Amino acid sequence: MSIDRERVLHTARLAELAIADAELPALVEQLSRIVDYVEQLGELPAAGEAAVHRSGPEQVSLRDDVVDPAPLARPIAELAPEFRDGFFLVPRRGAMADE
């Protein structure tokens, strides 16, 4: 895929970014290199799985990856003035306030 000046300017407009004319050639070149690199990654074989890297001998077994929540000193509902259905309720401020 070719990245040209017009594509960079179009993307900058969509992202609402201002790009100085002096910076544009370097930006086009950098983005082209990034896109070329990503295209190279697509050429890698995706079949099969990579072997798991272990820092020790193969005989050492790995522990199960189990998620255990840490117990809290106080119930979570006590950590906020208002708590309902598993959510903290906070007052609206600024632009979110009802008028």
C-alpha atoms as a PDB file:
ATOM      1  CA  MET A   1       0.000   0.000   0.000  1.00  0.00           C
ATOM      2  CA  SER A   2       1.338   3.390  -0.932  1.00  0.00           C
ATOM      3  CA  ILE A   3       1.045   6.311   1.440  1.00  0.00           C
ATOM      4  CA  ASP A   4       1.088   9.611  -0.408  1.00  0.00           C
ATOM      5  CA  ARG A   5       0.779  13.248   0.547  1.00  0.00           C
ATOM      6  CA  GLU A   6      -2.974  13.357  -0.124  1.00  0.00           C
ATOM      7  CA  ARG A   7      -3.684  10.346   2.085  1.00  0.00           C
ATOM      8  CA  VAL A   8      -1.712  11.873   4.960  1.00  0.00           C
ATOM      9  CA  LEU A   9      -3.548  15.190   4.596  1.00  0.00           C
ATOM     10  CA  HIS A  10      -6.913  13.395   4.446  1.00  0.00           C
ATOM     11  CA  THR A  11      -6.098  11.413   7.606  1.00  0.00           C
ATOM     12  CA  ALA A  12      -4.927  14.581   9.352  1.00  0.00           C
ATOM     13  CA  ARG A  13      -8.222  16.298   8.488  1.00  0.00           C
ATOM     14  CA  LEU A  14     -10.203  13.344   9.866  1.00  0.00           C
ATOM     15  CA  ALA A  15      -8.159  13.430  13.071  1.00  0.00           C
ATOM     16  CA  GLU A  16      -8.431  17.230  13.224  1.00  0.00           C
ATOM     17  CA  LEU A  17      -4.638  17.612  13.207  1.00  0.00           C
ATOM     18  CA  ALA A  18      -2.751  20.543  11.776  1.00  0.00           C
ATOM     19  CA  ILE A  19       0.364  19.566   9.832  1.00  0.00           C
ATOM     20  CA  ALA A  20       2.912  22.138   8.767  1.00  0.00           C
ATOM     21  CA  ASP A  21       3.983  21.940   5.108  1.00  0.00           C
ATOM     22  CA  ALA A  22       7.603  21.535   6.212  1.00  0.00           C
ATOM     23  CA  GLU A  23       6.726  18.440   8.279  1.00  0.00           C
ATOM     24  CA  LEU A  24       4.657  16.733   5.584  1.00  0.00           C
ATOM     25  CA  PRO A  25       7.437  14.977   3.570  1.00  0.00           C
ATOM     26  CA  ALA A  26       8.952  13.413   6.691  1.00  0.00           C
ATOM     27  CA  LEU A  27       5.525  12.316   7.913  1.00  0.00           C
ATOM     28  CA  VAL A  28       4.686  10.720   4.541  1.00  0.00           C
ATOM     29  CA  GLU A  29       7.986   8.820   4.588  1.00  0.00           C
ATOM     30  CA  GLN A  30       7.534   7.644   8.197  1.00  0.00           C
ATOM     31  CA  LEU A  31       3.966   6.463   7.640  1.00  0.00           C
ATOM     32  CA  SER A  32       5.008   4.651   4.449  1.00  0.00           C
ATOM     33  CA  ARG A  33       7.702   2.776   6.362  1.00  0.00           C
ATOM     34  CA  ILE A  34       5.201   1.818   9.089  1.00  0.00           C
ATOM     35  CA  VAL A  35       2.670   0.514   6.554  1.00  0.00           C
ATOM     36  CA  ASP A  36       5.379  -1.412   4.685  1.00  0.00           C
ATOM     37  CA  TYR A  37       6.470  -3.043   7.946  1.00  0.00           C
ATOM     38  CA  VAL A  38       2.903  -4.056   8.837  1.00  0.00           C
ATOM     39  CA  GLU A  39       2.498  -5.583   5.371  1.00  0.00           C
ATOM     40  CA  GLN A  40       5.646  -7.651   5.979  1.00  0.00           C
ATOM     41  CA  LEU A  41       4.098  -9.030   9.168  1.00  0.00           C
ATOM     42  CA  GLY A  42       1.200 -10.366   7.111  1.00  0.00           C
ATOM     43  CA  GLU A  43       3.661 -12.561   5.188  1.00  0.00           C
ATOM     44  CA  LEU A  44       4.674 -14.521   8.300  1.00  0.00           C
ATOM     45  CA  PRO A  45       3.306 -18.043   8.527  1.00  0.00           C
ATOM     46  CA  ALA A  46       0.406 -18.213  10.956  1.00  0.00           C
ATOM     47  CA  ALA A  47      -0.041 -21.988  11.024  1.00  0.00           C
ATOM     48  CA  GLY A  48       0.689 -23.812  14.258  1.00  0.00           C
ATOM     49  CA  GLU A  49       1.558 -22.436  17.644  1.00  0.00           C
ATOM     50  CA  ALA A  50       4.879 -21.150  18.839  1.00  0.00           C
ATOM     51  CA  ALA A  51       6.564 -23.100  21.593  1.00  0.00           C
ATOM     52  CA  VAL A  52       6.206 -21.654  25.067  1.00  0.00           C
ATOM     53  CA  HIS A  53       9.446 -20.078  26.256  1.00  0.00           C
ATOM     54  CA  ARG A  54      10.532 -21.278  29.661  1.00  0.00           C
ATOM     55  CA  SER A  55      13.405 -19.802  31.572  1.00  0.00           C
ATOM     56  CA  GLY A  56      14.082 -23.045  33.454  1.00  0.00           C
ATOM     57  CA  PRO A  57      14.204 -26.733  32.684  1.00  0.00           C
ATOM     58  CA  GLU A  58      11.289 -28.370  30.839  1.00  0.00           C
ATOM     59  CA  GLN A  59      10.552 -30.613  33.836  1.00  0.00           C
ATOM     60  CA  VAL A  60       9.423 -27.665  35.959  1.00  0.00           C
ATOM     61  CA  SER A  61       5.671 -27.351  35.581  1.00  0.00           C
ATOM     62  CA  LEU A  62       3.917 -24.013  35.482  1.00  0.00           C
ATOM     63  CA  ARG A  63       1.220 -23.187  38.004  1.00  0.00           C
ATOM     64  CA  ASP A  64      -2.360 -22.722  36.890  1.00  0.00           C
ATOM     65  CA  ASP A  65      -3.227 -19.130  36.076  1.00  0.00           C
ATOM     66  CA  VAL A  66      -6.119 -18.588  38.476  1.00  0.00           C
ATOM     67  CA  VAL A  67      -7.662 -15.206  39.213  1.00  0.00           C
ATOM     68  CA  ASP A  68      -8.491 -14.819  42.893  1.00  0.00           C
ATOM     69  CA  PRO A  69      -9.835 -11.418  43.947  1.00  0.00           C
ATOM     70  CA  ALA A  70      -8.031  -9.890  46.885  1.00  0.00           C
ATOM     71  CA  PRO A  71     -10.185  -9.634  50.006  1.00  0.00           C
ATOM     72  CA  LEU A  72     -10.996  -6.074  51.045  1.00  0.00           C
ATOM     73  CA  ALA A  73     -10.743  -4.837  54.619  1.00  0.00           C
ATOM     74  CA  ARG A  74     -14.202  -3.252  54.301  1.00  0.00           C
ATOM     75  CA  PRO A  75     -17.128  -4.034  52.023  1.00  0.00           C
ATOM     76  CA  ILE A  76     -16.907  -2.187  48.720  1.00  0.00           C
ATOM     77  CA  ALA A  77     -20.246  -0.443  49.327  1.00  0.00           C
ATOM     78  CA  GLU A  78     -18.636   1.433  52.245  1.00  0.00           C
ATOM     79  CA  LEU A  79     -16.020   3.057  49.980  1.00  0.00           C
ATOM     80  CA  ALA A  80     -18.415   5.567  48.388  1.00  0.00           C
ATOM     81  CA  PRO A  81     -21.325   7.691  49.566  1.00  0.00           C
ATOM     82  CA  GLU A  82     -23.668   5.923  47.119  1.00  0.00           C
ATOM     83  CA  PHE A  83     -23.356   2.401  45.747  1.00  0.00           C
ATOM     84  CA  ARG A  84     -26.051   0.466  43.883  1.00  0.00           C
ATOM     85  CA  ASP A  85     -26.098  -2.756  41.858  1.00  0.00           C
ATOM     86  CA  GLY A  86     -22.297  -3.034  41.890  1.00  0.00           C
ATOM     87  CA  PHE A  87     -21.670   0.561  40.721  1.00  0.00           C
ATOM     88  CA  PHE A  88     -20.449   3.699  42.432  1.00  0.00           C
ATOM     89  CA  LEU A  89     -22.923   6.541  41.969  1.00  0.00           C
ATOM     90  CA  VAL A  90     -21.390   9.984  41.557  1.00  0.00           C
ATOM     91  CA  PRO A  91     -23.082  13.368  41.144  1.00  0.00           C
ATOM     92  CA  ARG A  92     -23.217  14.961  37.694  1.00  0.00           C
ATOM     93  CA  ARG A  93     -20.899  17.905  37.160  1.00  0.00           C
ATOM     94  CA  GLY A  94     -20.362  20.567  34.489  1.00  0.00           C
ATOM     95  CA  ALA A  95     -21.441  19.667  30.963  1.00  0.00           C
ATOM     96  CA  MET A  96     -23.273  16.546  32.137  1.00  0.00           C
ATOM     97  CA  ALA A  97     -25.607  18.462  34.484  1.00  0.00           C
ATOM     98  CA  ASP A  98     -29.294  18.537  33.623  1.00  0.00           C
ATOM     99  CA  GLU A  99     -30.533  21.974  32.706  1.00  0.00           C
END
